[in-house]
N, C-alpha and C. Protein backbone atom coordinates (compact mmCIF):
# COMPACT_ATOMS: atom_id res chain seq x y z
N MET A 1 9.51 2.81 27.20
CA MET A 1 10.31 3.14 25.80
C MET A 1 11.59 2.33 25.60
N LEU A 2 11.92 1.73 24.62
CA LEU A 2 12.83 0.80 24.69
C LEU A 2 14.27 1.46 24.59
N ARG A 3 15.03 0.88 25.50
CA ARG A 3 16.46 1.40 25.56
C ARG A 3 17.27 1.19 24.39
N ASN A 4 17.17 -0.07 23.96
CA ASN A 4 17.96 -0.21 22.71
C ASN A 4 16.98 -1.04 21.74
N PRO A 5 16.30 0.00 20.82
CA PRO A 5 15.36 -0.63 19.89
C PRO A 5 16.10 -1.48 18.86
N PRO A 6 15.36 -2.50 18.39
CA PRO A 6 16.06 -3.31 17.05
C PRO A 6 16.33 -2.28 16.08
N HIS A 7 17.46 -2.76 15.30
CA HIS A 7 17.71 -1.78 14.06
C HIS A 7 16.60 -1.66 12.90
N TRP A 8 15.63 -2.83 12.83
CA TRP A 8 14.64 -2.66 11.82
C TRP A 8 13.61 -1.88 12.30
N LEU A 9 13.43 -1.74 13.54
CA LEU A 9 12.26 -0.76 14.18
C LEU A 9 12.73 0.76 13.72
N CYS A 10 13.84 1.03 14.02
CA CYS A 10 14.51 2.32 13.64
C CYS A 10 14.33 2.57 12.15
N GLY A 11 14.50 1.50 11.35
CA GLY A 11 14.52 1.99 9.88
C GLY A 11 12.95 2.02 9.46
N THR A 12 12.29 1.20 9.91
CA THR A 12 11.07 1.22 9.58
C THR A 12 10.23 2.72 10.00
N LEU A 13 10.41 3.13 11.08
CA LEU A 13 10.04 4.19 11.66
C LEU A 13 10.44 5.47 10.91
N LEU A 14 11.76 5.38 10.50
CA LEU A 14 12.43 6.35 9.53
C LEU A 14 11.90 6.47 8.17
N LEU A 15 11.48 5.32 7.57
CA LEU A 15 10.88 5.21 6.42
C LEU A 15 9.32 5.76 6.51
N ILE A 16 8.49 5.49 7.56
CA ILE A 16 7.37 6.13 7.69
C ILE A 16 7.35 7.55 7.67
N ALA A 17 8.07 8.10 8.52
CA ALA A 17 8.36 9.62 8.53
C ALA A 17 8.64 10.17 7.21
N ILE A 18 9.63 9.34 6.29
CA ILE A 18 9.87 10.16 5.26
C ILE A 18 8.61 10.19 4.30
N VAL A 19 7.96 9.05 4.33
CA VAL A 19 6.92 9.21 3.36
C VAL A 19 5.86 10.18 3.80
N CYS A 20 5.67 10.18 5.16
CA CYS A 20 4.42 11.05 5.56
C CYS A 20 4.87 12.46 5.18
N ILE A 21 6.47 12.80 5.25
CA ILE A 21 6.69 14.22 5.02
C ILE A 21 6.62 14.37 3.75
N ALA A 22 6.98 13.51 2.87
CA ALA A 22 6.78 13.70 1.37
C ALA A 22 5.56 13.88 1.01
N LEU A 23 4.56 13.08 1.43
CA LEU A 23 3.16 13.43 0.91
C LEU A 23 2.42 14.54 1.52
N LEU A 24 2.81 14.98 2.69
CA LEU A 24 2.20 16.09 3.43
C LEU A 24 2.72 17.40 3.02
N THR A 25 3.72 17.51 2.46
CA THR A 25 4.51 18.69 1.97
C THR A 25 3.79 19.16 0.70
N PRO A 26 3.19 20.44 0.98
CA PRO A 26 2.32 21.18 -0.25
C PRO A 26 3.25 21.27 -1.30
N VAL A 27 2.61 21.15 -2.66
CA VAL A 27 3.22 21.19 -3.70
C VAL A 27 3.07 22.69 -4.26
N THR A 28 3.98 23.38 -4.51
CA THR A 28 3.63 24.82 -5.25
C THR A 28 3.93 24.74 -6.63
N ALA A 29 3.04 25.45 -7.40
CA ALA A 29 3.17 25.47 -8.93
C ALA A 29 3.95 26.79 -9.15
N SER A 30 4.92 26.57 -10.21
CA SER A 30 5.47 27.92 -10.70
C SER A 30 4.72 28.51 -11.70
N ALA A 31 5.09 29.55 -11.96
CA ALA A 31 4.18 30.59 -12.77
C ALA A 31 4.12 29.95 -14.04
N ALA A 32 5.26 29.16 -14.73
CA ALA A 32 5.08 28.52 -15.97
C ALA A 32 4.21 27.31 -15.94
N ALA A 33 3.97 26.82 -14.65
CA ALA A 33 3.24 25.66 -14.81
C ALA A 33 1.59 26.10 -14.66
N THR A 34 1.25 27.37 -14.49
CA THR A 34 0.06 27.56 -14.40
C THR A 34 -0.84 27.77 -15.86
N LYS A 35 0.04 28.01 -16.86
CA LYS A 35 -0.20 28.09 -18.24
C LYS A 35 -0.34 26.51 -18.42
N ALA A 36 -1.60 26.17 -18.89
CA ALA A 36 -1.61 24.68 -19.15
C ALA A 36 -1.91 24.42 -20.66
N SER A 37 -1.35 23.51 -21.17
CA SER A 37 -1.74 23.09 -22.34
C SER A 37 -3.17 22.31 -22.50
N GLN A 38 -3.54 22.24 -23.61
CA GLN A 38 -4.98 21.74 -23.77
C GLN A 38 -4.88 20.16 -23.35
N GLN A 39 -3.63 19.70 -23.78
CA GLN A 39 -3.68 18.11 -23.28
C GLN A 39 -3.73 17.97 -21.91
N GLU A 40 -3.14 18.89 -21.10
CA GLU A 40 -3.00 18.49 -19.52
C GLU A 40 -4.12 18.87 -19.06
N VAL A 41 -5.02 19.83 -19.34
CA VAL A 41 -6.42 19.99 -18.94
C VAL A 41 -7.42 18.95 -19.06
N ALA A 42 -7.18 18.64 -20.51
CA ALA A 42 -8.35 17.33 -20.85
C ALA A 42 -7.93 16.20 -20.21
N GLU A 43 -6.68 15.76 -19.91
CA GLU A 43 -6.19 14.82 -19.10
C GLU A 43 -6.68 14.68 -17.72
N ALA A 44 -6.73 15.99 -17.27
CA ALA A 44 -7.26 16.15 -15.99
C ALA A 44 -8.60 15.79 -15.49
N LEU A 45 -9.61 16.02 -16.58
CA LEU A 45 -10.86 15.67 -16.36
C LEU A 45 -11.35 14.16 -17.07
N THR A 46 -12.19 13.47 -16.21
CA THR A 46 -12.68 12.20 -16.67
C THR A 46 -13.97 12.33 -17.66
N CYS A 47 -13.86 11.47 -18.69
CA CYS A 47 -15.19 11.56 -19.45
C CYS A 47 -16.36 10.96 -18.59
N GLN A 48 -17.40 11.54 -18.79
CA GLN A 48 -18.89 10.86 -18.35
C GLN A 48 -19.54 10.21 -19.17
N CYS A 49 -18.94 9.65 -20.41
CA CYS A 49 -20.00 8.97 -21.27
C CYS A 49 -20.06 7.54 -20.72
N GLY A 50 -19.24 7.12 -19.98
CA GLY A 50 -19.11 5.77 -19.22
C GLY A 50 -18.06 4.96 -20.05
N CYS A 51 -17.26 5.38 -20.78
CA CYS A 51 -15.81 4.71 -21.03
C CYS A 51 -14.91 4.58 -20.10
N GLY A 52 -15.03 5.40 -19.12
CA GLY A 52 -14.06 5.24 -18.15
C GLY A 52 -12.42 5.84 -18.32
N LEU A 53 -12.49 6.60 -19.54
CA LEU A 53 -11.14 7.40 -19.86
C LEU A 53 -11.28 8.88 -19.50
N THR A 54 -10.34 9.54 -19.95
CA THR A 54 -9.90 10.95 -19.60
C THR A 54 -10.72 11.52 -21.03
N VAL A 55 -11.11 12.88 -20.83
CA VAL A 55 -11.59 13.54 -21.89
C VAL A 55 -10.65 13.54 -23.16
N ALA A 56 -9.52 13.76 -22.82
CA ALA A 56 -8.37 13.60 -23.81
C ALA A 56 -8.41 12.15 -24.74
N ASN A 57 -8.60 11.15 -23.91
CA ASN A 57 -8.43 10.03 -24.32
C ASN A 57 -9.76 9.23 -24.80
N CYS A 58 -10.89 9.76 -24.62
CA CYS A 58 -12.19 9.28 -24.99
C CYS A 58 -12.01 8.82 -26.33
N ASN A 59 -12.28 7.54 -26.56
CA ASN A 59 -12.37 6.97 -28.03
C ASN A 59 -13.62 6.95 -28.78
N HIS A 60 -14.61 7.58 -28.43
CA HIS A 60 -15.79 7.70 -29.19
C HIS A 60 -15.77 9.14 -29.89
N PRO A 61 -15.91 9.03 -31.28
CA PRO A 61 -15.65 10.07 -32.15
C PRO A 61 -16.83 11.22 -31.80
N ASN A 62 -18.09 10.76 -31.50
CA ASN A 62 -19.16 11.70 -31.36
C ASN A 62 -19.61 11.64 -29.84
N CYS A 63 -18.70 11.61 -28.98
CA CYS A 63 -19.23 11.49 -27.89
C CYS A 63 -20.04 12.87 -27.12
N GLU A 64 -21.07 12.50 -26.60
CA GLU A 64 -21.79 13.60 -26.11
C GLU A 64 -21.44 14.37 -24.96
N PHE A 65 -20.34 13.91 -24.34
CA PHE A 65 -19.84 14.70 -23.12
C PHE A 65 -18.53 15.27 -23.65
N SER A 66 -17.45 14.51 -24.12
CA SER A 66 -15.98 14.92 -24.34
C SER A 66 -15.94 15.85 -25.45
N VAL A 67 -16.76 15.95 -26.46
CA VAL A 67 -16.65 16.86 -27.55
C VAL A 67 -17.28 18.22 -27.16
N PRO A 68 -18.03 18.44 -26.30
CA PRO A 68 -18.53 19.67 -25.79
C PRO A 68 -17.54 20.21 -24.86
N VAL A 69 -17.09 19.34 -24.07
CA VAL A 69 -15.91 19.81 -23.04
C VAL A 69 -14.78 20.19 -23.47
N ARG A 70 -14.34 19.57 -24.58
CA ARG A 70 -13.15 20.09 -25.39
C ARG A 70 -13.26 21.30 -25.89
N SER A 71 -14.58 21.48 -26.63
CA SER A 71 -14.65 22.84 -27.10
C SER A 71 -14.75 24.18 -26.30
N LYS A 72 -15.35 23.55 -24.94
CA LYS A 72 -15.38 24.58 -23.99
C LYS A 72 -14.14 24.91 -23.33
N LYS A 73 -13.37 23.66 -23.14
CA LYS A 73 -12.06 23.97 -22.58
C LYS A 73 -11.19 24.80 -23.46
N ASP A 74 -11.25 24.66 -24.78
CA ASP A 74 -10.45 25.38 -25.62
C ASP A 74 -10.90 27.05 -25.83
N THR A 75 -12.10 27.09 -25.65
CA THR A 75 -12.79 28.58 -25.56
C THR A 75 -12.13 29.08 -24.27
N MET A 76 -12.06 28.49 -22.90
CA MET A 76 -11.69 28.87 -21.88
C MET A 76 -10.07 29.30 -21.83
N LEU A 77 -9.27 28.25 -22.57
CA LEU A 77 -7.94 28.50 -22.78
C LEU A 77 -7.55 29.69 -23.58
N ALA A 78 -8.40 29.97 -24.70
CA ALA A 78 -8.07 31.18 -25.42
C ALA A 78 -8.56 32.36 -24.79
N HIS A 79 -9.39 32.36 -23.66
CA HIS A 79 -9.59 33.57 -23.19
C HIS A 79 -8.43 33.86 -21.88
N GLY A 80 -7.39 32.82 -21.84
CA GLY A 80 -6.61 33.19 -20.84
C GLY A 80 -6.75 32.61 -19.48
N MET A 81 -7.69 31.65 -19.62
CA MET A 81 -7.96 30.92 -18.01
C MET A 81 -6.97 29.94 -17.98
N GLY A 82 -6.31 29.77 -16.68
CA GLY A 82 -5.26 28.48 -16.37
C GLY A 82 -6.06 27.39 -16.18
N ARG A 83 -5.15 26.37 -15.86
CA ARG A 83 -5.67 24.94 -15.65
C ARG A 83 -6.29 24.72 -14.48
N THR A 84 -6.05 25.49 -13.20
CA THR A 84 -6.68 25.40 -12.16
C THR A 84 -8.12 25.95 -12.25
N GLU A 85 -8.11 27.10 -12.76
CA GLU A 85 -9.53 27.92 -13.09
C GLU A 85 -10.46 27.09 -14.05
N ILE A 86 -10.16 26.17 -14.91
CA ILE A 86 -10.80 25.40 -15.93
C ILE A 86 -11.02 24.14 -15.17
N ILE A 87 -10.31 23.70 -14.32
CA ILE A 87 -10.66 22.41 -13.55
C ILE A 87 -11.68 23.04 -12.43
N ALA A 88 -11.70 23.91 -11.89
CA ALA A 88 -12.53 24.44 -10.74
C ALA A 88 -13.82 24.66 -11.40
N TYR A 89 -14.02 25.33 -12.59
CA TYR A 89 -15.21 25.32 -13.31
C TYR A 89 -16.07 24.00 -13.45
N PHE A 90 -15.28 23.06 -14.06
CA PHE A 90 -15.94 21.86 -14.41
C PHE A 90 -16.30 21.16 -13.10
N ARG A 91 -15.50 21.05 -11.98
CA ARG A 91 -15.61 20.63 -10.84
C ARG A 91 -16.48 21.24 -10.27
N SER A 92 -17.22 22.41 -10.50
CA SER A 92 -18.28 23.17 -9.93
C SER A 92 -19.47 22.59 -10.65
N GLN A 93 -19.29 22.33 -11.78
CA GLN A 93 -20.55 21.75 -12.70
C GLN A 93 -20.79 20.25 -12.33
N TYR A 94 -19.63 19.59 -12.31
CA TYR A 94 -19.99 18.17 -12.27
C TYR A 94 -19.58 17.22 -10.86
N GLY A 95 -19.10 18.20 -10.16
CA GLY A 95 -18.52 17.50 -8.71
C GLY A 95 -17.30 16.81 -8.84
N GLU A 96 -16.93 16.07 -7.79
CA GLU A 96 -15.54 15.33 -7.57
C GLU A 96 -15.42 14.39 -8.86
N LYS A 97 -16.44 13.94 -9.37
CA LYS A 97 -16.41 12.58 -10.34
C LYS A 97 -15.86 13.15 -11.59
N ILE A 98 -15.69 14.48 -11.96
CA ILE A 98 -15.05 14.82 -13.18
C ILE A 98 -13.48 14.95 -12.91
N LEU A 99 -13.07 14.65 -11.90
CA LEU A 99 -11.71 14.65 -11.60
C LEU A 99 -11.10 13.31 -12.16
N SER A 100 -9.85 13.39 -12.89
CA SER A 100 -9.40 12.11 -13.09
C SER A 100 -8.59 11.41 -11.95
N ALA A 101 -7.99 12.43 -11.12
CA ALA A 101 -7.12 11.91 -9.88
C ALA A 101 -7.89 12.62 -8.72
N PRO A 102 -7.80 12.12 -7.48
CA PRO A 102 -8.25 12.70 -6.36
C PRO A 102 -7.12 14.01 -5.87
N THR A 103 -7.93 14.89 -5.21
CA THR A 103 -7.24 16.20 -4.95
C THR A 103 -6.25 15.76 -3.69
N THR A 104 -5.34 16.40 -3.44
CA THR A 104 -4.50 16.46 -2.11
C THR A 104 -4.78 17.07 -1.07
N GLN A 105 -6.19 17.28 -0.84
CA GLN A 105 -6.65 17.82 0.46
C GLN A 105 -7.65 17.46 1.00
N GLY A 106 -7.93 17.70 2.23
CA GLY A 106 -9.42 17.02 2.82
C GLY A 106 -9.55 15.48 2.94
N PHE A 107 -10.57 15.01 2.69
CA PHE A 107 -10.50 13.62 2.90
C PHE A 107 -9.86 12.64 1.81
N ASN A 108 -9.80 13.42 0.70
CA ASN A 108 -9.13 12.79 -0.46
C ASN A 108 -7.67 12.53 -0.21
N ILE A 109 -7.21 13.04 0.83
CA ILE A 109 -5.53 12.70 0.94
C ILE A 109 -5.45 11.28 1.37
N LEU A 110 -6.56 10.77 1.96
CA LEU A 110 -6.37 9.32 2.52
C LEU A 110 -6.18 8.41 0.97
N ALA A 111 -6.81 8.82 0.08
CA ALA A 111 -6.60 7.93 -1.16
C ALA A 111 -5.06 7.84 -1.72
N TRP A 112 -4.22 8.87 -1.31
CA TRP A 112 -2.90 9.06 -1.64
C TRP A 112 -1.73 8.46 -0.51
N THR A 113 -2.54 8.47 0.54
CA THR A 113 -1.53 8.04 1.82
C THR A 113 -1.90 6.64 2.21
N MET A 114 -3.25 6.16 2.07
CA MET A 114 -3.37 4.88 2.88
C MET A 114 -2.70 3.73 2.09
N PRO A 115 -2.45 3.65 0.97
CA PRO A 115 -1.48 2.57 0.30
C PRO A 115 -0.17 2.53 1.21
N PHE A 116 0.38 3.78 1.22
CA PHE A 116 1.75 3.83 1.67
C PHE A 116 1.75 3.31 3.26
N MET A 117 0.79 3.83 3.98
CA MET A 117 0.84 3.41 5.34
C MET A 117 0.52 2.01 5.56
N ALA A 118 -0.38 1.62 4.78
CA ALA A 118 -0.69 0.03 4.88
C ALA A 118 0.44 -0.74 4.75
N LEU A 119 1.26 -0.32 3.25
CA LEU A 119 2.49 -1.25 3.25
C LEU A 119 3.53 -1.03 4.57
N ALA A 120 3.54 0.17 4.92
CA ALA A 120 4.52 0.26 5.83
C ALA A 120 4.17 -0.26 7.31
N ALA A 121 2.71 -0.57 7.40
CA ALA A 121 2.34 -1.25 8.75
C ALA A 121 2.79 -2.64 8.45
N GLY A 122 2.39 -3.05 7.29
CA GLY A 122 2.56 -4.43 6.80
C GLY A 122 4.01 -4.80 7.08
N CYS A 123 4.93 -4.14 6.46
CA CYS A 123 6.33 -4.26 6.77
C CYS A 123 6.82 -4.51 7.97
N ALA A 124 6.22 -3.52 8.96
CA ALA A 124 6.70 -3.26 10.35
C ALA A 124 6.22 -4.49 11.32
N LEU A 125 4.95 -5.00 10.75
CA LEU A 125 4.28 -6.27 11.47
C LEU A 125 5.07 -7.49 10.85
N ILE A 126 5.61 -7.67 9.81
CA ILE A 126 6.30 -8.78 9.36
C ILE A 126 7.80 -8.86 10.13
N MET A 127 8.12 -7.60 10.12
CA MET A 127 9.67 -7.41 10.81
C MET A 127 9.38 -7.93 12.20
N PHE A 128 8.41 -7.48 12.94
CA PHE A 128 8.19 -7.43 14.49
C PHE A 128 7.90 -8.87 14.57
N THR A 129 7.07 -9.73 13.57
CA THR A 129 6.89 -10.98 13.76
C THR A 129 8.26 -12.03 13.59
N VAL A 130 9.01 -11.59 12.62
CA VAL A 130 10.37 -12.34 12.27
C VAL A 130 11.55 -11.96 13.55
N GLY A 131 11.26 -10.91 14.10
CA GLY A 131 12.08 -10.70 15.25
C GLY A 131 11.80 -11.68 16.27
N ARG A 132 10.65 -11.75 16.60
CA ARG A 132 10.10 -12.53 17.70
C ARG A 132 10.34 -13.98 17.53
N TRP A 133 10.30 -14.42 16.34
CA TRP A 133 10.49 -15.79 16.16
C TRP A 133 12.01 -16.02 16.15
N HIS A 134 12.94 -14.99 15.71
CA HIS A 134 14.35 -15.20 15.76
C HIS A 134 14.74 -15.19 17.33
N LYS A 135 13.95 -14.50 18.08
CA LYS A 135 14.46 -14.51 19.67
C LYS A 135 14.00 -15.79 20.37
N ARG A 136 12.73 -16.37 19.87
CA ARG A 136 12.33 -17.40 20.66
C ARG A 136 13.21 -18.65 20.89
N PRO A 137 13.40 -19.11 22.05
CA PRO A 137 14.23 -20.19 22.26
C PRO A 137 13.87 -21.45 21.43
N PRO A 138 15.10 -22.29 20.87
CA PRO A 138 14.33 -23.67 20.15
C PRO A 138 13.65 -24.45 21.22
N ALA A 139 12.76 -25.20 20.52
CA ALA A 139 11.91 -26.39 21.25
C ALA A 139 12.85 -27.34 21.65
N PRO A 140 12.77 -27.97 22.92
CA PRO A 140 13.59 -28.92 23.14
C PRO A 140 13.41 -30.09 22.26
N ALA A 141 14.65 -30.93 21.80
CA ALA A 141 14.53 -31.97 20.90
C ALA A 141 13.83 -33.16 21.52
N SER A 142 12.95 -33.51 20.82
CA SER A 142 12.02 -34.93 21.39
C SER A 142 12.68 -36.03 20.60
N SER A 143 12.81 -37.07 21.42
CA SER A 143 13.24 -38.40 21.03
C SER A 143 12.18 -39.12 20.27
N GLU A 144 12.91 -40.01 19.59
CA GLU A 144 11.68 -40.98 18.78
C GLU A 144 11.06 -41.84 19.61
N THR A 145 11.48 -42.36 20.69
CA THR A 145 11.04 -43.25 21.59
C THR A 145 10.53 -42.30 22.97
N PRO A 146 9.63 -42.67 23.24
CA PRO A 146 8.97 -41.93 24.74
C PRO A 146 9.53 -42.54 25.85
N ALA A 147 9.92 -41.33 26.97
CA ALA A 147 10.67 -41.62 27.89
C ALA A 147 9.87 -42.76 28.75
N VAL A 148 10.67 -43.70 29.27
CA VAL A 148 9.86 -44.71 30.03
C VAL A 148 10.15 -44.64 31.70
N ASP A 149 9.26 -44.73 32.29
CA ASP A 149 9.52 -44.77 33.71
C ASP A 149 10.08 -46.11 34.29
N GLN A 150 11.45 -46.14 34.72
CA GLN A 150 12.13 -47.28 34.91
C GLN A 150 11.43 -48.18 36.01
N ALA A 151 10.94 -47.13 36.95
CA ALA A 151 10.11 -48.06 38.22
C ALA A 151 9.04 -48.97 37.73
N ALA A 152 8.33 -48.69 36.44
CA ALA A 152 7.02 -49.29 36.12
C ALA A 152 7.30 -50.52 35.15
N VAL A 153 8.71 -50.69 34.99
CA VAL A 153 8.91 -51.93 34.20
C VAL A 153 9.03 -53.24 35.09
N ASP A 154 8.48 -54.18 34.63
CA ASP A 154 8.78 -55.39 35.43
C ASP A 154 9.97 -55.98 35.17
N PRO A 155 10.97 -56.22 36.38
CA PRO A 155 12.28 -56.35 36.23
C PRO A 155 12.46 -58.07 35.42
N ASP A 156 11.40 -58.67 35.66
CA ASP A 156 11.56 -60.00 34.96
C ASP A 156 11.41 -59.96 33.37
N LEU A 157 10.61 -59.15 32.85
CA LEU A 157 10.50 -58.70 31.67
C LEU A 157 11.58 -58.29 31.14
N ARG A 158 12.35 -57.32 31.77
CA ARG A 158 13.54 -56.71 31.44
C ARG A 158 14.60 -57.60 31.04
N ARG A 159 14.96 -58.40 32.10
CA ARG A 159 15.87 -59.53 31.84
C ARG A 159 15.72 -60.56 30.91
N ARG A 160 14.53 -60.84 30.67
CA ARG A 160 14.26 -61.77 29.52
C ARG A 160 14.36 -60.91 28.07
N LEU A 161 14.13 -59.76 28.08
CA LEU A 161 14.37 -58.80 26.81
C LEU A 161 15.78 -58.53 26.71
N GLU A 162 16.71 -58.58 27.63
CA GLU A 162 17.93 -58.48 27.51
C GLU A 162 18.66 -59.85 27.23
N ARG A 163 18.15 -60.73 27.59
CA ARG A 163 18.59 -62.29 27.13
C ARG A 163 18.39 -62.51 25.78
N GLU A 164 17.21 -62.10 25.23
CA GLU A 164 16.75 -62.57 24.03
C GLU A 164 17.42 -61.69 23.08
N LEU A 165 17.96 -60.43 23.32
CA LEU A 165 18.69 -59.57 22.37
C LEU A 165 20.08 -60.12 22.28
N ARG A 166 20.54 -60.50 23.56
CA ARG A 166 22.00 -61.21 23.22
C ARG A 166 22.08 -62.43 22.62
N GLU A 167 21.05 -63.26 22.67
CA GLU A 167 20.94 -64.52 21.76
C GLU A 167 20.93 -64.05 20.28
N ARG A 168 20.20 -62.99 19.80
CA ARG A 168 19.91 -62.76 18.45
C ARG A 168 21.17 -62.09 17.87
N ILE A 169 21.88 -61.44 18.60
CA ILE A 169 23.03 -60.69 18.04
C ILE A 169 24.13 -61.30 18.11
């Protein structure tokens, strides 16, 4: 365990904990929220005609799917059924593909949490990498001329070079 963890690591872990707690806390519906409007129920169901829209927004006037579903939904609402009951009915008829948003239970919880976990992991990786770059000692400055072994230089050539340099300057 780190004795003095970097400040960015503590902040990242705190952010991850807050996101996980917020996503995993069960959402409770009030009694007023169980009475659904026609629009809420229709937006919770995906049209199966191939348009990719919800039943409420399907733009085909004579859609073979959304028109009967809307009338069935209106009948169910008139009989006093709630939003969850109506959605459960259509879900049992058509499966998970009828839902316009994944449920927050079971394997579908990954659809809600994975983007946030990937974002947090990416931020932690970037902060870790930048921290390591910051702590790395600077590379030694390289001179433009390579180091010359003084013992390998011929003394006669050196004297000649020095003499010619003095004459030209």
